[in-house]
Amino acid sequence: MFDMRPVGYVVGLLVMALGVAMLLPMLVDIAQGLGHWAVFAESAILTILIGSLVALACRNGVRAGLTIQQTFLLTTGVWFILPLFGALPFILGATEARLVDGVFEAMSGLTTTGSTVLSGLEELPKGLLLWRGIMQWLGGIGIIVVAMVFLPELRVGGMQVFRSEAFDTMGKILPRATQIASSISTIYVAITLLCVAAYLLTGMNPFDATVHALTTVSTGGFANYDASFGQFTGPAEWVATVFMILAALPFVRYVQMIAGNRSLFRDSQVQAFLLTIAILVVVAASVLMSIFPHHPEQALREAAFNITSIISGTGYASVDYMGWGSFLVSLFFFVGLIGGCAGSTTCSVKIFRYQILFASVKAQLGRIHSPHAVLTPRFQGRRIEDDVLNSVMTFFVFFIVSLGVFAVALGLTGLDFVTSLSGAATALANVGPGLGDIIGPAGNFAPLNDAAKWILIFAMLIGRLEIMAVFVLFTLSFWRN
């Protein structure tokens, strides 16, 4: 019989932790004196109570090892259940949001997607703005742990190639997850504090600096203003660009650097990611200077900020790049499908999968013109095993098929082609803004119908968990074995 107790125990503890986190925005609202603190108090009590009851009920089934079934269910369950509780402050009165809007905002926050259905952000209670930032910050550190512990163990999308770097977890998933979370938490907090300090130096007020640091380091992209990062220009854009890049690098390398191993810039992932950003920024800046009267520094700054924001999945926008011409708009669509490094807070396909894909294509082309040559695709200097290659190819197929299915489903709800395709892509890749007049960088997702929002909620969930970790739950063989 399938034992749900280990899964329920961990989920219960995490729900409790989420409830405790709600106390911070409650305190902010108390200090602001606008009376919204009661919403967070009610949400926190309800969340902590339910989480503690579930954890206590399942406590007698806890053990160090988890079966593969339990691990898949735990990974998906966490990202499915936490947004339901994270939505409570939106639903219970802070914004008078409907159920679908509250769940959409919370799912977007915890998956660090950054799409929003809220407008008039400047008028919202500061506690709610802080809560949006906290959700993204928690989601960022959560996905690092998932990427370093669970996905390599589950052999999802080729992530097993990182098992040796993310520490061996076979049969010891829960204790090892705690150990790795402890190791990266210090680094994650330190980078966040540095980001806060850097934003303060650019002239941001302490509240804006704190919230934007939370959503920058998590590559989430929630901002305190309807204009997104367009509220700030100049030095703040450069600061955001630097910290978005830092958050897009593999955190396991930071852990190794502290231990004295200077392998960060020798990582082929890091090299490919930084080179990709450099090329894209040069191309975008050159186009801007050729068709608009941009000063070179302004063109470079806007190109660097917005390219980095989209490729990392942060989703900030400093300008409405829909007015940059069809070439750059099309470029932004494909840039959002690249992603950062594995083991970072970023999302989308990830740069390592493209490296493995290109290595395989190169080897296959070599075999065509040299049939007798022994050509082995390699990644990080190691031979790419067949199971890794198969997993990566399967991921690409499922990603493309899922993109098509979600785009068609959104089209059936009445959305136009650009909104449907870019909406499916931005949700599946957890990027944030889409393209077009409705969900583009100058708009938001509020005008969409309820059916479209539920479709996007599901797309954000499966995109954050590398697609396969969710789809496997819908197979009969998973529940039979």
Protein backbone atom coordinates (compact mmCIF):
# COMPACT_ATOMS: atom_id res chain seq x y z
CA MET A 1 0.00 0.00 0.00
CA PHE A 2 1.25 3.47 -0.90
CA ASP A 3 2.37 5.25 2.30
CA MET A 4 1.52 8.95 2.16
CA ARG A 5 2.75 9.77 5.66
CA PRO A 6 6.34 10.80 4.79
CA VAL A 7 5.00 13.09 2.08
CA GLY A 8 2.33 14.54 4.35
CA TYR A 9 4.85 15.16 7.14
CA VAL A 10 7.22 17.20 4.96
CA VAL A 11 4.40 19.11 3.27
CA GLY A 12 2.88 19.86 6.67
CA LEU A 13 6.15 21.28 7.98
CA LEU A 14 6.58 23.44 4.91
CA VAL A 15 3.02 24.74 5.18
CA MET A 16 3.76 25.64 8.81
CA ALA A 17 6.90 27.49 7.73
CA LEU A 18 4.90 29.39 5.13
CA GLY A 19 2.44 30.41 7.84
CA VAL A 20 5.26 31.68 10.05
CA ALA A 21 6.56 33.72 7.11
CA MET A 22 3.18 35.47 6.92
CA LEU A 23 3.91 37.10 10.28
CA LEU A 24 6.54 39.38 8.68
CA PRO A 25 4.13 41.22 6.36
CA MET A 26 1.65 41.30 9.25
CA LEU A 27 4.19 43.27 11.30
CA VAL A 28 4.80 45.62 8.37
CA ASP A 29 1.09 46.30 8.07
CA ILE A 30 0.84 46.91 11.81
CA ALA A 31 3.66 49.45 11.53
CA GLN A 32 1.92 51.08 8.55
CA GLY A 33 -1.27 51.36 10.59
CA LEU A 34 -3.75 50.76 7.78
CA GLY A 35 -5.61 47.84 9.36
CA HIS A 36 -4.64 45.17 6.82
CA TRP A 37 -2.63 43.22 9.39
CA ALA A 38 -5.69 41.18 10.41
CA VAL A 39 -5.75 39.49 6.99
CA PHE A 40 -2.22 38.18 7.50
CA ALA A 41 -2.98 37.21 11.09
CA GLU A 42 -5.96 35.12 9.97
CA SER A 43 -3.99 33.60 7.10
CA ALA A 44 -1.01 32.78 9.33
CA ILE A 45 -3.15 31.14 12.04
CA LEU A 46 -5.06 29.05 9.52
CA THR A 47 -1.91 28.02 7.66
CA ILE A 48 0.11 27.15 10.76
CA LEU A 49 -2.81 25.24 12.29
CA ILE A 50 -3.47 23.09 9.22
CA GLY A 51 0.22 22.50 8.57
CA SER A 52 0.90 21.45 12.16
CA LEU A 53 -2.10 19.09 12.24
CA VAL A 54 -1.00 17.38 9.02
CA ALA A 55 2.61 17.09 10.23
CA LEU A 56 1.52 15.62 13.58
CA ALA A 57 -0.86 13.17 11.91
CA CYS A 58 1.90 11.88 9.63
CA ARG A 59 4.80 12.01 12.07
CA ASN A 60 4.79 8.29 12.88
CA GLY A 61 5.47 7.44 9.23
CA VAL A 62 8.69 9.46 8.87
CA ARG A 63 11.86 7.72 7.77
CA ALA A 64 15.13 8.84 6.22
CA GLY A 65 14.59 7.18 2.87
CA LEU A 66 11.83 7.88 0.39
CA THR A 67 10.67 5.67 -2.43
CA ILE A 68 10.77 7.05 -5.96
CA GLN A 69 6.96 7.35 -5.91
CA GLN A 70 7.01 9.31 -2.66
CA THR A 71 9.76 11.59 -3.95
CA PHE A 72 7.86 12.43 -7.14
CA LEU A 73 4.68 13.04 -5.15
CA LEU A 74 6.49 15.19 -2.58
CA THR A 75 8.17 17.34 -5.24
CA THR A 76 4.91 18.05 -7.04
CA GLY A 77 2.81 18.23 -3.89
CA VAL A 78 4.88 20.99 -2.35
CA TRP A 79 4.50 23.29 -5.35
CA PHE A 80 0.80 22.44 -5.67
CA ILE A 81 -0.23 22.89 -2.04
CA LEU A 82 1.92 25.83 -0.91
CA PRO A 83 0.43 28.25 -3.47
CA LEU A 84 -3.06 27.40 -2.19
CA PHE A 85 -2.07 28.66 1.25
CA GLY A 86 0.05 31.47 -0.17
CA ALA A 87 -3.09 32.74 -1.89
CA LEU A 88 -4.98 33.24 1.40
CA PRO A 89 -3.85 36.85 2.04
CA PHE A 90 -5.06 37.81 -1.45
CA ILE A 91 -8.39 36.01 -1.10
CA LEU A 92 -9.25 36.87 2.52
CA GLY A 93 -9.34 40.60 1.94
CA ALA A 94 -6.00 42.27 1.27
CA THR A 95 -6.91 42.71 -2.41
CA GLU A 96 -10.41 41.19 -2.48
CA ALA A 97 -9.11 38.86 -5.18
CA ARG A 98 -11.20 35.99 -6.44
CA LEU A 99 -9.99 32.41 -5.94
CA VAL A 100 -8.45 32.08 -9.40
CA ASP A 101 -6.64 35.43 -9.12
CA GLY A 102 -5.29 34.65 -5.66
CA VAL A 103 -4.03 31.21 -6.70
CA PHE A 104 -2.57 32.68 -9.91
CA GLU A 105 -0.61 35.32 -7.99
CA ALA A 106 0.62 32.82 -5.39
CA MET A 107 1.58 30.20 -8.00
CA SER A 108 3.39 32.87 -9.98
CA GLY A 109 5.16 33.94 -6.81
CA LEU A 110 6.29 30.57 -5.47
CA THR A 111 7.31 29.31 -8.93
CA THR A 112 9.20 32.64 -9.38
CA THR A 113 7.35 33.23 -12.66
CA GLY A 114 6.56 36.87 -12.01
CA SER A 115 3.32 37.15 -13.99
CA THR A 116 0.74 39.19 -12.11
CA VAL A 117 -2.99 39.85 -12.15
CA LEU A 118 -2.68 42.84 -9.81
CA SER A 119 -2.67 46.45 -10.90
CA GLY A 120 -2.33 49.68 -8.97
CA LEU A 121 0.59 48.13 -7.10
CA GLU A 122 1.63 51.49 -5.69
CA GLU A 123 -1.66 51.65 -3.77
CA LEU A 124 -1.51 48.15 -2.28
CA PRO A 125 -0.65 47.62 1.40
CA LYS A 126 3.11 47.33 1.93
CA GLY A 127 2.59 44.06 3.76
CA LEU A 128 1.10 42.52 0.62
CA LEU A 129 3.95 43.80 -1.56
CA LEU A 130 6.39 42.30 0.92
CA TRP A 131 4.45 39.01 0.89
CA ARG A 132 4.81 38.81 -2.89
CA GLY A 133 8.55 39.27 -2.49
CA ILE A 134 8.80 36.72 0.32
CA MET A 135 6.94 34.10 -1.72
CA GLN A 136 9.37 34.52 -4.60
CA TRP A 137 12.38 34.46 -2.30
CA LEU A 138 11.19 31.22 -0.66
CA GLY A 139 10.39 29.74 -4.07
CA GLY A 140 13.90 30.60 -5.27
CA ILE A 141 15.72 28.80 -2.48
CA GLY A 142 13.21 25.95 -2.68
CA ILE A 143 13.89 25.28 -6.33
CA ILE A 144 17.64 25.23 -5.71
CA VAL A 145 17.15 22.42 -3.18
CA VAL A 146 14.83 20.58 -5.58
CA ALA A 147 17.34 20.95 -8.44
CA MET A 148 20.28 19.78 -6.32
CA VAL A 149 18.58 16.95 -4.44
CA PHE A 150 15.36 15.68 -5.95
CA LEU A 151 15.60 16.12 -9.73
CA PRO A 152 19.02 14.40 -10.08
CA GLU A 153 17.68 11.50 -8.02
CA LEU A 154 14.52 11.31 -10.12
CA ARG A 155 16.55 11.46 -13.34
CA VAL A 156 14.31 14.22 -14.69
CA GLY A 157 15.32 15.88 -17.95
CA GLY A 158 18.96 14.84 -17.78
CA MET A 159 19.47 16.29 -14.29
CA GLN A 160 21.13 13.03 -13.23
CA VAL A 161 24.30 14.35 -14.85
CA PHE A 162 24.69 16.53 -11.74
CA ARG A 163 24.31 13.77 -9.15
CA SER A 164 28.01 13.67 -8.34
CA GLU A 165 28.15 17.46 -7.96
CA ALA A 166 24.99 17.82 -5.92
CA PHE A 167 26.10 15.03 -3.56
CA ASP A 168 24.87 11.45 -3.65
CA THR A 169 21.34 11.27 -2.26
CA MET A 170 20.35 7.67 -2.90
CA GLY A 171 18.20 6.45 -0.02
CA LYS A 172 18.92 9.55 2.08
CA ILE A 173 16.88 12.25 0.41
CA LEU A 174 15.38 14.03 3.42
CA PRO A 175 18.54 14.30 5.56
CA ARG A 176 20.58 15.31 2.51
CA ALA A 177 18.01 17.91 1.49
CA THR A 178 18.32 19.46 4.95
CA GLN A 179 22.11 19.47 4.71
CA ILE A 180 22.18 21.08 1.27
CA ALA A 181 19.52 23.62 2.22
CA SER A 182 21.65 24.60 5.18
CA SER A 183 24.74 24.95 2.98
CA ILE A 184 23.13 27.19 0.39
CA SER A 185 20.97 29.23 2.77
CA THR A 186 23.93 31.22 4.03
CA ILE A 187 25.02 32.03 0.49
CA TYR A 188 21.47 32.85 -0.59
CA VAL A 189 20.95 35.20 2.35
CA ALA A 190 24.36 36.82 1.86
CA ILE A 191 23.70 37.56 -1.83
CA THR A 192 20.27 38.97 -0.91
CA LEU A 193 21.75 41.30 1.71
CA LEU A 194 24.42 42.48 -0.72
CA CYS A 195 21.68 43.18 -3.24
CA VAL A 196 19.72 45.21 -0.67
CA ALA A 197 22.83 47.26 0.12
CA ALA A 198 23.57 47.84 -3.56
CA TYR A 199 20.01 49.00 -4.25
CA LEU A 200 20.20 51.39 -1.28
CA LEU A 201 23.34 52.91 -2.77
CA THR A 202 21.46 53.62 -5.99
CA GLY A 203 18.90 55.68 -4.10
CA MET A 204 16.08 53.19 -3.52
CA ASN A 205 14.21 53.56 -0.25
CA PRO A 206 14.71 50.69 2.24
CA PHE A 207 11.35 49.03 1.52
CA ASP A 208 11.79 49.04 -2.26
CA ALA A 209 15.40 47.88 -1.89
CA THR A 210 14.33 44.95 0.31
CA VAL A 211 11.42 43.74 -1.83
CA HIS A 212 13.29 44.13 -5.11
CA ALA A 213 16.31 42.33 -3.67
CA LEU A 214 14.05 39.41 -2.70
CA THR A 215 12.63 39.21 -6.22
CA THR A 216 15.96 39.83 -7.97
CA VAL A 217 17.97 37.13 -6.22
CA SER A 218 15.10 34.66 -6.65
CA THR A 219 14.87 35.69 -10.34
CA GLY A 220 11.16 36.16 -9.67
CA GLY A 221 10.49 39.63 -11.02
CA PHE A 222 7.62 40.88 -8.84
CA ALA A 223 7.98 44.66 -8.52
CA ASN A 224 6.32 47.27 -6.32
CA TYR A 225 5.16 49.37 -9.27
CA ASP A 226 2.95 48.87 -12.31
CA ALA A 227 5.89 50.12 -14.41
CA SER A 228 7.93 47.16 -13.11
CA PHE A 229 11.61 48.17 -13.00
CA GLY A 230 10.85 51.14 -15.24
CA GLN A 231 10.36 53.06 -11.99
CA PHE A 232 14.14 52.98 -11.60
CA THR A 233 16.76 53.86 -14.19
CA GLY A 234 20.50 54.12 -14.44
CA PRO A 235 22.62 52.50 -11.70
CA ALA A 236 19.73 50.41 -10.32
CA GLU A 237 19.43 48.63 -13.67
CA TRP A 238 23.12 47.71 -13.61
CA VAL A 239 22.81 46.44 -10.03
CA ALA A 240 19.82 44.30 -10.97
CA THR A 241 21.66 42.94 -14.01
CA VAL A 242 24.65 41.85 -11.92
CA PHE A 243 22.56 40.12 -9.25
CA MET A 244 20.28 38.44 -11.77
CA ILE A 245 23.40 36.93 -13.34
CA LEU A 246 24.74 35.86 -9.93
CA ALA A 247 21.41 34.17 -9.14
CA ALA A 248 21.46 32.39 -12.51
CA LEU A 249 24.76 30.61 -11.78
CA PRO A 250 24.87 27.18 -10.08
CA PHE A 251 24.80 27.63 -6.31
CA VAL A 252 26.73 24.42 -5.77
CA ARG A 253 29.74 26.27 -7.24
CA TYR A 254 29.39 28.94 -4.57
CA VAL A 255 29.42 26.23 -1.91
CA GLN A 256 32.56 24.79 -3.49
CA MET A 257 34.19 28.22 -3.69
CA ILE A 258 33.76 28.70 0.04
CA ALA A 259 35.46 25.32 0.50
CA GLY A 260 38.40 26.58 -1.57
CA ASN A 261 37.50 25.09 -4.96
CA ARG A 262 37.67 27.81 -7.63
CA SER A 263 35.64 25.96 -10.22
CA LEU A 264 32.96 28.56 -10.90
CA PHE A 265 34.34 30.04 -14.10
CA ARG A 266 35.73 26.70 -15.25
CA ASP A 267 32.19 25.32 -15.35
CA SER A 268 31.19 24.95 -18.99
CA GLN A 269 27.61 25.88 -18.03
CA VAL A 270 28.77 29.19 -16.61
CA GLN A 271 30.98 29.90 -19.60
CA ALA A 272 28.20 29.15 -22.09
CA PHE A 273 25.65 31.18 -20.13
CA LEU A 274 27.84 34.27 -19.84
CA LEU A 275 28.89 34.03 -23.50
CA THR A 276 25.24 33.74 -24.57
CA ILE A 277 24.29 36.85 -22.58
CA ALA A 278 27.24 38.80 -23.99
CA ILE A 279 26.34 37.97 -27.59
CA LEU A 280 22.65 38.72 -27.13
CA VAL A 281 23.36 42.04 -25.39
CA VAL A 282 25.73 43.17 -28.14
CA VAL A 283 23.16 42.26 -30.81
CA ALA A 284 20.28 43.99 -28.99
CA ALA A 285 22.30 47.12 -28.20
CA SER A 286 23.52 47.36 -31.79
CA VAL A 287 19.97 47.13 -33.11
CA LEU A 288 18.76 49.77 -30.64
CA MET A 289 21.48 52.22 -31.68
CA SER A 290 20.80 51.59 -35.36
CA ILE A 291 17.03 52.24 -35.29
CA PHE A 292 16.61 54.59 -32.31
CA PRO A 293 18.54 57.68 -31.19
CA HIS A 294 19.95 55.81 -28.19
CA HIS A 295 23.07 56.94 -26.36
CA PRO A 296 25.55 54.00 -26.36
CA GLU A 297 25.40 53.67 -22.55
CA GLN A 298 21.59 53.75 -22.54
CA ALA A 299 21.37 51.19 -25.34
CA LEU A 300 23.85 48.88 -23.59
CA ARG A 301 22.14 49.30 -20.22
CA GLU A 302 18.62 48.65 -21.51
CA ALA A 303 19.77 45.73 -23.63
CA ALA A 304 21.79 44.17 -20.78
CA PHE A 305 19.01 44.59 -18.23
CA ASN A 306 16.13 43.29 -20.34
CA ILE A 307 18.06 40.45 -21.99
CA THR A 308 19.36 39.28 -18.60
CA SER A 309 15.88 39.62 -17.09
CA ILE A 310 14.27 37.44 -19.75
CA ILE A 311 17.00 34.80 -20.14
CA SER A 312 17.15 34.31 -16.36
CA GLY A 313 13.36 34.16 -16.13
CA THR A 314 13.24 37.13 -13.76
CA GLY A 315 10.73 39.00 -15.89
CA TYR A 316 11.49 42.58 -14.90
CA ALA A 317 10.96 45.14 -17.66
CA SER A 318 12.57 48.57 -17.61
CA VAL A 319 10.93 49.65 -20.89
CA ASP A 320 8.12 48.45 -23.12
CA TYR A 321 10.30 46.48 -25.54
CA MET A 322 7.26 45.75 -27.70
CA GLY A 323 8.18 49.05 -29.35
CA TRP A 324 11.70 47.92 -30.20
CA GLY A 325 10.73 46.41 -33.54
CA SER A 326 9.76 42.94 -34.71
CA PHE A 327 13.33 41.57 -34.72
CA LEU A 328 14.00 42.28 -31.05
CA VAL A 329 10.48 41.25 -30.00
CA SER A 330 11.00 37.89 -31.73
CA LEU A 331 14.44 37.65 -30.12
CA PHE A 332 12.94 38.13 -26.67
CA PHE A 333 10.50 35.27 -27.29
CA PHE A 334 13.31 32.81 -28.01
CA VAL A 335 15.61 34.21 -25.30
CA GLY A 336 12.95 33.29 -22.74
CA LEU A 337 13.25 29.65 -23.81
CA ILE A 338 16.96 29.46 -22.94
CA GLY A 339 17.19 29.80 -19.16
CA GLY A 340 20.14 29.89 -16.78
CA CYS A 341 22.30 27.21 -15.19
CA ALA A 342 21.07 24.08 -13.45
CA GLY A 343 21.13 24.42 -9.67
CA SER A 344 20.27 28.13 -9.76
CA THR A 345 17.05 30.01 -9.11
CA THR A 346 16.37 30.32 -12.85
CA CYS A 347 13.86 28.40 -14.93
CA SER A 348 13.07 27.49 -18.55
CA VAL A 349 14.99 24.84 -20.53
CA LYS A 350 18.43 25.55 -18.94
CA ILE A 351 21.69 26.12 -20.75
CA PHE A 352 23.12 22.65 -20.01
CA ARG A 353 20.42 20.92 -22.05
CA TYR A 354 21.34 22.96 -25.10
CA GLN A 355 24.99 22.05 -24.52
CA ILE A 356 24.11 18.35 -24.41
CA LEU A 357 21.87 18.72 -27.47
CA PHE A 358 24.60 20.46 -29.48
CA ALA A 359 27.22 17.93 -28.37
CA SER A 360 24.97 15.10 -29.55
CA VAL A 361 24.24 16.82 -32.88
CA LYS A 362 27.96 17.47 -33.41
CA ALA A 363 28.79 13.82 -32.74
CA GLN A 364 26.02 12.63 -35.05
CA LEU A 365 27.18 14.91 -37.88
CA GLY A 366 30.69 13.60 -37.39
CA ARG A 367 29.49 10.01 -37.71
CA ILE A 368 27.79 10.88 -41.00
CA HIS A 369 30.93 12.06 -42.76
CA SER A 370 33.26 9.70 -40.83
CA PRO A 371 31.27 6.45 -40.35
CA HIS A 372 34.17 4.56 -38.78
CA ALA A 373 35.19 7.27 -36.32
CA VAL A 374 34.48 6.81 -32.61
CA LEU A 375 32.81 10.08 -31.62
CA THR A 376 31.44 10.42 -28.10
CA PRO A 377 29.43 13.49 -27.01
CA ARG A 378 30.83 15.04 -23.83
CA PHE A 379 29.65 17.49 -21.19
CA GLN A 380 31.93 19.02 -18.55
CA GLY A 381 34.70 16.80 -19.92
CA ARG A 382 32.75 13.62 -19.20
CA ARG A 383 31.06 11.22 -21.59
CA ILE A 384 27.33 11.80 -21.87
CA GLU A 385 25.65 8.55 -20.89
CA ASP A 386 22.80 7.24 -23.02
CA ASP A 387 20.23 7.64 -20.25
CA VAL A 388 21.19 11.31 -19.83
CA LEU A 389 20.95 11.91 -23.56
CA ASN A 390 17.58 10.15 -23.75
CA SER A 391 16.27 12.16 -20.80
CA VAL A 392 17.33 15.45 -22.38
CA MET A 393 15.79 14.56 -25.74
CA THR A 394 12.59 13.49 -24.00
CA PHE A 395 12.51 16.78 -22.13
CA PHE A 396 12.81 18.77 -25.36
CA VAL A 397 10.00 16.76 -26.96
CA PHE A 398 7.69 17.19 -23.96
CA PHE A 399 8.55 20.89 -23.68
CA ILE A 400 7.67 21.56 -27.33
CA VAL A 401 4.53 19.40 -27.21
CA SER A 402 3.43 21.03 -23.94
CA LEU A 403 4.03 24.47 -25.41
CA GLY A 404 1.81 23.61 -28.37
CA VAL A 405 -0.93 22.06 -26.24
CA PHE A 406 -1.07 25.01 -23.84
CA ALA A 407 -1.03 27.52 -26.71
CA VAL A 408 -3.93 25.73 -28.40
CA ALA A 409 -5.82 25.48 -25.10
CA LEU A 410 -5.39 29.20 -24.50
CA GLY A 411 -6.52 29.90 -28.06
CA LEU A 412 -9.69 27.89 -27.40
CA THR A 413 -10.52 30.25 -24.52
CA GLY A 414 -10.72 33.10 -27.03
CA LEU A 415 -7.24 34.62 -26.81
CA ASP A 416 -5.45 35.84 -29.93
CA PHE A 417 -2.48 33.97 -31.41
CA VAL A 418 0.30 36.16 -29.97
CA THR A 419 -1.21 36.17 -26.47
CA SER A 420 -1.85 32.40 -26.57
CA LEU A 421 1.63 31.43 -27.78
CA SER A 422 3.60 33.88 -25.66
CA GLY A 423 1.38 33.19 -22.63
CA ALA A 424 2.00 29.46 -22.91
CA ALA A 425 5.73 30.05 -23.36
CA THR A 426 6.10 32.50 -20.49
CA ALA A 427 4.16 30.25 -18.10
CA LEU A 428 5.90 27.04 -19.10
CA ALA A 429 9.32 28.73 -18.96
CA ASN A 430 8.36 30.71 -15.79
CA VAL A 431 9.54 33.96 -17.36
CA GLY A 432 6.81 36.46 -16.42
CA PRO A 433 5.70 38.91 -19.11
CA GLY A 434 4.49 37.69 -22.47
CA LEU A 435 4.15 39.53 -25.76
CA GLY A 436 1.37 41.66 -27.16
CA ASP A 437 -0.78 44.46 -25.82
CA ILE A 438 -2.48 42.37 -23.11
CA ILE A 439 0.26 40.41 -21.31
CA GLY A 440 3.29 42.23 -22.71
CA PRO A 441 5.77 44.14 -20.53
CA ALA A 442 3.35 47.09 -20.31
CA GLY A 443 0.33 44.96 -19.35
CA ASN A 444 -0.59 42.13 -16.98
CA PHE A 445 -2.70 38.97 -16.86
CA ALA A 446 -5.79 40.46 -15.18
CA PRO A 447 -7.83 40.81 -18.42
CA LEU A 448 -7.59 37.08 -19.19
CA ASN A 449 -10.65 34.91 -18.62
CA ASP A 450 -10.77 32.42 -15.74
CA ALA A 451 -10.22 29.37 -17.96
CA ALA A 452 -7.03 30.89 -19.38
CA LYS A 453 -5.76 31.69 -15.88
CA TRP A 454 -6.30 28.10 -14.66
CA ILE A 455 -4.47 26.79 -17.73
CA LEU A 456 -1.55 29.14 -17.02
CA ILE A 457 -1.50 28.11 -13.34
CA PHE A 458 -1.03 24.48 -14.36
CA ALA A 459 1.59 25.48 -16.96
CA MET A 460 3.58 27.39 -14.32
CA LEU A 461 3.50 24.37 -12.02
CA ILE A 462 4.77 21.82 -14.53
CA GLY A 463 7.30 24.26 -15.97
CA ARG A 464 8.84 24.92 -12.57
CA LEU A 465 9.22 21.18 -11.91
CA GLU A 466 10.86 20.40 -15.28
CA ILE A 467 7.63 19.02 -16.80
CA MET A 468 8.36 15.29 -16.42
CA ALA A 469 8.14 15.31 -12.61
CA VAL A 470 4.47 16.29 -12.92
CA PHE A 471 3.44 14.30 -15.98
CA VAL A 472 4.72 11.05 -14.49
CA LEU A 473 1.96 11.28 -11.86
CA PHE A 474 -0.62 10.89 -14.62
CA THR A 475 0.65 7.48 -15.73
CA LEU A 476 -0.99 4.26 -14.51
CA SER A 477 2.35 2.50 -14.13
CA PHE A 478 3.46 5.07 -11.53
CA TRP A 479 0.59 4.13 -9.21
CA ARG A 480 0.74 0.37 -9.94
CA ASN A 481 4.42 -0.08 -9.04
